[in-house]
Amino acid sequence: MTLAAAAEDRPVTAAIIDGKGYAAGLGERIAEQVSAFSGHTGRVPGLAVVLVGTDPASEVYVRSKGRMARKLGMESFEHVLSEDTSQEDLMALVDRLNADETVDGILVQLPLPRHLDSLAVIKAIDPAKDVDGLHPLNAGYLASGLPGLVSCTPLGCLMLLRSSLGDLSGLDAIVVGRSILVGKPMAQLLLAENCTVTVAHSRTRDLERRVAQADIVVAAVGSPEMIRGEWIKPGATVIDVGTSRVIRDGVTRLVGDVDFAGATTRARAITPVPGGVGPMTIMSLMHNTLLAAFRRAGLAAPELW
């Protein structure tokens, strides 16, 4: 179905964008290139993940990253530090990882405990190993259209958009959310795809009207079901980054920033929560680690998507 055809104001059943399936296919291609890298260099790419404290959600996320890295044939170096770790000790660890030739990617799990300066830690990471894409140099490269490492979640969102729509040129896109993790880099990626981009947020006036004009809606505001289904332009493609737990009828449910049930009657395609963007975030991290390894070795990086 073309966008023009889907734009007729009538109910449609949205196609479900299978982030889990796409991530699995990407993982297979990454594993092949890990083997190729090893053949060239005699080693495999290495990912170091640093966790400070014992936040249960962060612990699960760190373990899942390590498992995925090992599954794809990479080395995983996990550093778990106590809640009261000092800024000096954390910065010293980052310095050691920067100097470690077996480490191609460094990710410090956020948020950090309040007594630690997150920005100082991000800026201390070698930009060539900044697989989270948060270093100001990588952010600047993205804004300037230069090759760098891109924040994982927006990169995964772009992969899903391309797989669903193909060429994005000329489409109107709205990004609801302005964080450095998702909103701002997502807008830059869409601009690079020749979209016309609006960046909105929780304080945007007349958000409903702005969403209703968009061919692409990327929801990353962190508010459960804030974007109503009836706001969605018929035929639009919706990427829902949000993940919130809500209790309904005594049952805890996982929902996104978009009213999924309502949006499916209007959208051309939509990501589910869970199973949409989440798997792509971890696989994009693996993609970035592989990319960093090839670049650091002076090898041409493979095209994986």
Protein backbone atom coordinates (compact mmCIF):
# COMPACT_ATOMS: atom_id res chain seq x y z
CA MET A 1 0.00 0.00 0.00
CA THR A 2 1.44 3.40 -0.96
CA LEU A 3 1.41 6.34 1.41
CA ALA A 4 -0.91 8.19 -0.96
CA ALA A 5 -3.42 5.36 -0.97
CA ALA A 6 -3.22 4.89 2.78
CA ALA A 7 -3.76 8.59 3.37
CA GLU A 8 -7.45 8.33 2.56
CA ASP A 9 -9.39 9.08 5.72
CA ARG A 10 -10.67 5.59 6.40
CA PRO A 11 -9.84 2.91 8.99
CA VAL A 12 -6.87 0.71 8.12
CA THR A 13 -5.17 -2.13 9.93
CA ALA A 14 -1.58 -1.16 10.56
CA ALA A 15 1.20 -3.55 9.66
CA ILE A 16 3.24 -4.47 12.74
CA ILE A 17 6.91 -3.55 12.34
CA ASP A 18 8.77 -6.56 13.70
CA GLY A 19 11.79 -5.11 15.48
CA LYS A 20 12.63 -8.47 17.02
CA GLY A 21 12.72 -10.15 13.62
CA TYR A 22 14.76 -7.37 12.01
CA ALA A 23 17.22 -7.43 14.92
CA ALA A 24 17.68 -11.19 14.51
CA GLY A 25 18.54 -10.78 10.83
CA LEU A 26 20.94 -7.94 11.60
CA GLY A 27 22.56 -10.10 14.27
CA GLU A 28 23.28 -12.83 11.72
CA ARG A 29 25.01 -10.31 9.46
CA ILE A 30 27.01 -8.93 12.38
CA ALA A 31 28.16 -12.42 13.40
CA GLU A 32 29.42 -13.04 9.86
CA GLN A 33 31.43 -9.82 9.94
CA VAL A 34 32.80 -10.60 13.41
CA SER A 35 34.28 -13.73 11.87
CA ALA A 36 35.67 -11.71 8.96
CA PHE A 37 37.20 -9.18 11.36
CA SER A 38 38.82 -11.95 13.34
CA GLY A 39 40.31 -13.34 10.13
CA HIS A 40 41.90 -9.97 9.35
CA THR A 41 43.13 -9.09 12.84
CA GLY A 42 43.49 -12.31 14.82
CA ARG A 43 41.11 -11.09 17.52
CA VAL A 44 37.40 -10.37 17.94
CA PRO A 45 35.72 -7.03 18.70
CA GLY A 46 35.44 -6.23 22.41
CA LEU A 47 32.67 -4.39 24.24
CA ALA A 48 33.15 -3.05 27.77
CA VAL A 49 30.03 -2.19 29.77
CA VAL A 50 30.32 -0.32 33.07
CA LEU A 51 27.55 -0.47 35.68
CA VAL A 52 27.69 1.61 38.86
CA GLY A 53 25.30 0.48 41.59
CA THR A 54 22.66 -2.23 41.77
CA ASP A 55 19.65 -0.85 39.92
CA PRO A 56 17.71 -4.04 38.95
CA ALA A 57 16.65 -2.79 35.50
CA SER A 58 20.19 -1.71 34.67
CA GLU A 59 21.59 -5.02 35.86
CA VAL A 60 19.24 -6.91 33.54
CA TYR A 61 20.14 -4.63 30.64
CA VAL A 62 23.88 -5.03 31.21
CA ARG A 63 23.58 -8.83 31.38
CA SER A 64 21.55 -8.88 28.15
CA LYS A 65 24.21 -6.82 26.37
CA GLY A 66 26.92 -9.18 27.52
CA ARG A 67 24.97 -12.25 26.42
CA MET A 68 24.30 -10.78 22.99
CA ALA A 69 27.93 -9.77 22.46
CA ARG A 70 29.09 -13.30 23.28
CA LYS A 71 26.36 -14.83 21.12
CA LEU A 72 27.65 -12.86 18.13
CA GLY A 73 31.22 -13.93 18.80
CA MET A 74 32.49 -10.76 20.48
CA GLU A 75 34.31 -10.34 23.78
CA SER A 76 32.26 -8.88 26.63
CA PHE A 77 33.98 -7.08 29.50
CA GLU A 78 31.56 -6.25 32.30
CA HIS A 79 32.63 -3.93 35.11
CA VAL A 80 30.23 -3.69 38.06
CA LEU A 81 31.16 -0.99 40.57
CA SER A 82 29.66 -0.23 43.96
CA GLU A 83 27.04 2.47 44.46
CA ASP A 84 29.53 4.67 46.34
CA THR A 85 32.23 4.56 43.66
CA SER A 86 34.01 7.91 43.43
CA GLN A 87 34.21 10.10 40.35
CA GLU A 88 37.98 9.65 40.40
CA ASP A 89 37.76 5.85 40.38
CA LEU A 90 35.17 5.79 37.61
CA MET A 91 37.23 8.16 35.45
CA ALA A 92 40.31 6.01 36.07
CA LEU A 93 38.44 2.94 34.81
CA VAL A 94 37.34 4.80 31.67
CA ASP A 95 40.97 5.82 31.08
CA ARG A 96 42.09 2.19 31.36
CA LEU A 97 39.41 1.04 28.93
CA ASN A 98 40.39 3.80 26.49
CA ALA A 99 43.96 2.46 26.52
CA ASP A 100 42.98 -1.21 26.28
CA GLU A 101 43.51 -2.39 22.69
CA THR A 102 41.18 -5.36 23.19
CA VAL A 103 38.28 -2.98 23.88
CA ASP A 104 36.60 -1.42 20.82
CA GLY A 105 33.44 -0.13 22.48
CA ILE A 106 32.80 1.44 25.88
CA LEU A 107 29.34 1.94 27.33
CA VAL A 108 28.76 3.40 30.78
CA GLN A 109 25.24 2.47 31.83
CA LEU A 110 23.07 5.51 32.59
CA PRO A 111 21.73 6.91 34.81
CA LEU A 112 24.65 7.09 37.21
CA PRO A 113 24.22 7.67 40.95
CA ARG A 114 23.54 11.32 41.74
CA HIS A 115 26.96 12.06 43.18
CA LEU A 116 28.64 11.28 39.84
CA ASP A 117 29.03 13.71 36.92
CA SER A 118 27.60 11.85 33.92
CA LEU A 119 28.67 14.45 31.36
CA ALA A 120 32.27 14.34 32.55
CA VAL A 121 32.26 10.56 32.18
CA ILE A 122 30.76 10.69 28.69
CA LYS A 123 33.31 13.28 27.60
CA ALA A 124 36.14 11.12 28.98
CA ILE A 125 35.30 8.16 26.71
CA ASP A 126 37.44 7.93 23.57
CA PRO A 127 35.04 9.06 20.78
CA ALA A 128 36.28 6.17 18.61
CA LYS A 129 35.00 3.77 21.31
CA ASP A 130 31.84 5.72 22.21
CA VAL A 131 29.38 3.07 21.02
CA ASP A 132 26.51 4.85 22.79
CA GLY A 133 27.06 7.83 20.47
CA LEU A 134 26.80 10.38 23.29
CA HIS A 135 30.22 12.04 23.19
CA PRO A 136 29.90 15.69 22.04
CA LEU A 137 32.29 14.95 19.16
CA ASN A 138 30.06 12.17 17.82
CA ALA A 139 26.98 14.36 18.30
CA GLY A 140 28.75 17.07 16.33
CA TYR A 141 29.70 14.65 13.57
CA LEU A 142 26.05 13.62 13.26
CA ALA A 143 24.86 17.23 13.08
CA SER A 144 27.54 17.98 10.47
CA GLY A 145 26.78 14.95 8.32
CA LEU A 146 30.17 13.37 9.04
CA PRO A 147 30.79 9.67 9.84
CA GLY A 148 30.79 8.89 13.54
CA LEU A 149 29.08 6.63 16.05
CA VAL A 150 25.33 7.23 16.38
CA SER A 151 23.18 6.76 19.48
CA CYS A 152 21.81 3.21 19.44
CA THR A 153 18.06 3.72 19.81
CA PRO A 154 17.70 6.36 17.06
CA LEU A 155 19.90 4.27 14.78
CA GLY A 156 17.64 1.27 15.34
CA CYS A 157 14.56 3.41 14.67
CA LEU A 158 16.02 4.57 11.36
CA MET A 159 16.75 0.99 10.34
CA LEU A 160 13.12 0.07 10.98
CA LEU A 161 11.84 3.10 9.08
CA ARG A 162 13.97 2.29 6.05
CA SER A 163 12.90 -1.35 6.14
CA SER A 164 9.25 -0.30 6.23
CA LEU A 165 9.24 2.69 3.89
CA GLY A 166 12.37 2.49 1.78
CA ASP A 167 13.26 6.01 0.64
CA LEU A 168 12.24 8.61 3.26
CA SER A 169 12.94 11.67 1.10
CA GLY A 170 10.31 14.39 1.24
CA LEU A 171 8.28 12.86 4.04
CA ASP A 172 7.05 14.99 6.95
CA ALA A 173 8.36 13.60 10.25
CA ILE A 174 7.73 14.55 13.85
CA VAL A 175 9.93 13.49 16.75
CA VAL A 176 8.13 13.84 20.06
CA GLY A 177 10.94 14.07 22.60
CA ARG A 178 14.17 16.09 22.74
CA SER A 179 16.60 14.01 24.80
CA ILE A 180 20.25 13.59 23.82
CA LEU A 181 19.67 9.83 23.88
CA VAL A 182 16.84 9.71 21.34
CA GLY A 183 15.04 12.89 20.33
CA LYS A 184 17.88 15.11 19.14
CA PRO A 185 19.90 12.45 17.27
CA MET A 186 16.70 11.03 15.76
CA ALA A 187 15.87 14.42 14.29
CA GLN A 188 19.37 14.69 12.81
CA LEU A 189 19.14 11.23 11.26
CA LEU A 190 15.78 12.06 9.67
CA LEU A 191 17.14 15.34 8.31
CA ALA A 192 19.99 13.37 6.73
CA GLU A 193 17.33 11.21 5.05
CA ASN A 194 15.83 14.38 3.50
CA CYS A 195 12.73 14.42 5.69
CA THR A 196 11.10 17.65 6.83
CA VAL A 197 11.43 17.36 10.58
CA THR A 198 9.54 18.84 13.51
CA VAL A 199 10.91 18.31 17.03
CA ALA A 200 8.16 18.46 19.65
CA HIS A 201 7.99 17.67 23.35
CA SER A 202 5.69 17.62 26.37
CA ARG A 203 5.32 21.42 26.33
CA THR A 204 4.62 21.80 22.62
CA ARG A 205 1.44 23.75 21.97
CA ASP A 206 -1.19 22.10 19.79
CA LEU A 207 0.70 18.82 19.67
CA GLU A 208 -2.32 17.01 18.25
CA ARG A 209 -2.34 19.19 15.12
CA ARG A 210 1.39 18.75 14.56
CA VAL A 211 1.24 14.97 14.94
CA ALA A 212 -1.72 14.81 12.55
CA GLN A 213 0.39 16.36 9.78
CA ALA A 214 3.22 13.83 9.97
CA ASP A 215 3.93 10.90 7.65
CA ILE A 216 6.38 9.59 10.25
CA VAL A 217 5.81 9.79 14.02
CA VAL A 218 8.66 8.90 16.37
CA ALA A 219 7.37 8.97 19.95
CA ALA A 220 10.09 9.25 22.58
CA VAL A 221 8.65 11.49 25.27
CA GLY A 222 8.41 8.94 28.09
CA SER A 223 4.74 9.44 28.90
CA PRO A 224 2.43 6.39 28.61
CA GLU A 225 -0.02 6.64 25.70
CA MET A 226 0.37 10.41 25.53
CA ILE A 227 -0.13 10.35 21.76
CA ARG A 228 -3.71 9.38 21.05
CA GLY A 229 -4.63 7.08 18.19
CA GLU A 230 -6.98 9.62 16.63
CA TRP A 231 -4.09 12.07 16.27
CA ILE A 232 -2.29 9.82 13.80
CA LYS A 233 -2.52 10.80 10.14
CA PRO A 234 -4.10 7.98 8.11
CA GLY A 235 -1.28 6.11 6.41
CA ALA A 236 1.46 7.35 8.75
CA THR A 237 4.27 5.15 10.06
CA VAL A 238 4.68 5.15 13.85
CA ILE A 239 7.84 4.29 15.76
CA ASP A 240 7.11 4.05 19.49
CA VAL A 241 10.24 4.32 21.63
CA GLY A 242 8.41 4.68 24.95
CA THR A 243 8.24 1.93 27.56
CA SER A 244 6.12 2.40 30.68
CA ARG A 245 4.53 0.02 33.16
CA VAL A 246 0.91 0.77 33.98
CA ILE A 247 -1.58 -1.11 36.15
CA ARG A 248 -4.99 -1.83 34.63
CA ASP A 249 -7.59 -4.06 36.20
CA GLY A 250 -4.96 -5.13 38.72
CA VAL A 251 -2.57 -6.28 35.99
CA THR A 252 0.77 -4.62 35.20
CA ARG A 253 1.10 -3.94 31.49
CA LEU A 254 3.90 -2.58 29.33
CA VAL A 255 2.78 0.28 27.08
CA GLY A 256 4.43 2.83 24.83
CA ASP A 257 4.03 6.56 24.31
CA VAL A 258 1.36 5.93 21.66
CA ASP A 259 -2.17 4.59 22.13
CA PHE A 260 -1.43 1.40 20.22
CA ALA A 261 -5.00 0.15 19.82
CA GLY A 262 -6.21 3.48 18.48
CA ALA A 263 -3.19 4.05 16.24
CA THR A 264 -3.51 0.67 14.53
CA THR A 265 -6.82 1.76 12.98
CA ARG A 266 -5.14 4.70 11.25
CA ALA A 267 -1.42 4.05 10.78
CA ARG A 268 0.15 2.30 7.80
CA ALA A 269 2.66 0.58 10.08
CA ILE A 270 3.58 0.71 13.76
CA THR A 271 6.09 -0.78 16.19
CA PRO A 272 4.64 -2.78 19.10
CA VAL A 273 5.67 -2.41 22.74
CA PRO A 274 7.42 -4.68 23.56
CA GLY A 275 9.05 -6.26 20.51
CA GLY A 276 9.59 -3.15 18.41
CA VAL A 277 12.34 -0.68 19.18
CA GLY A 278 13.77 -2.49 22.24
CA PRO A 279 15.50 -5.36 20.39
CA MET A 280 16.90 -2.86 17.90
CA THR A 281 18.61 -0.82 20.62
CA ILE A 282 20.75 -3.74 21.77
CA MET A 283 21.49 -4.88 18.22
CA SER A 284 22.46 -1.34 17.21
CA LEU A 285 24.96 -1.41 20.08
CA MET A 286 26.45 -4.59 18.60
CA HIS A 287 26.49 -2.88 15.18
CA ASN A 288 28.33 0.11 16.62
CA THR A 289 30.87 -2.10 18.38
CA LEU A 290 31.63 -3.92 15.14
CA LEU A 291 31.85 -0.62 13.25
CA ALA A 292 34.23 0.82 15.86
CA ALA A 293 36.41 -2.30 15.67
CA PHE A 294 36.76 -2.12 11.89
CA ARG A 295 37.56 1.59 11.96
CA ARG A 296 40.10 1.27 14.77
CA ALA A 297 41.83 -1.51 12.82
CA GLY A 298 42.02 0.69 9.71
CA LEU A 299 39.66 -1.61 7.80
CA ALA A 300 36.73 -0.63 5.58
CA ALA A 301 33.56 -1.01 7.65
CA PRO A 302 30.92 -3.35 6.19
CA GLU A 303 27.48 -2.14 5.08
CA LEU A 304 25.00 -4.10 7.20
CA TRP A 305 21.71 -2.31 6.49
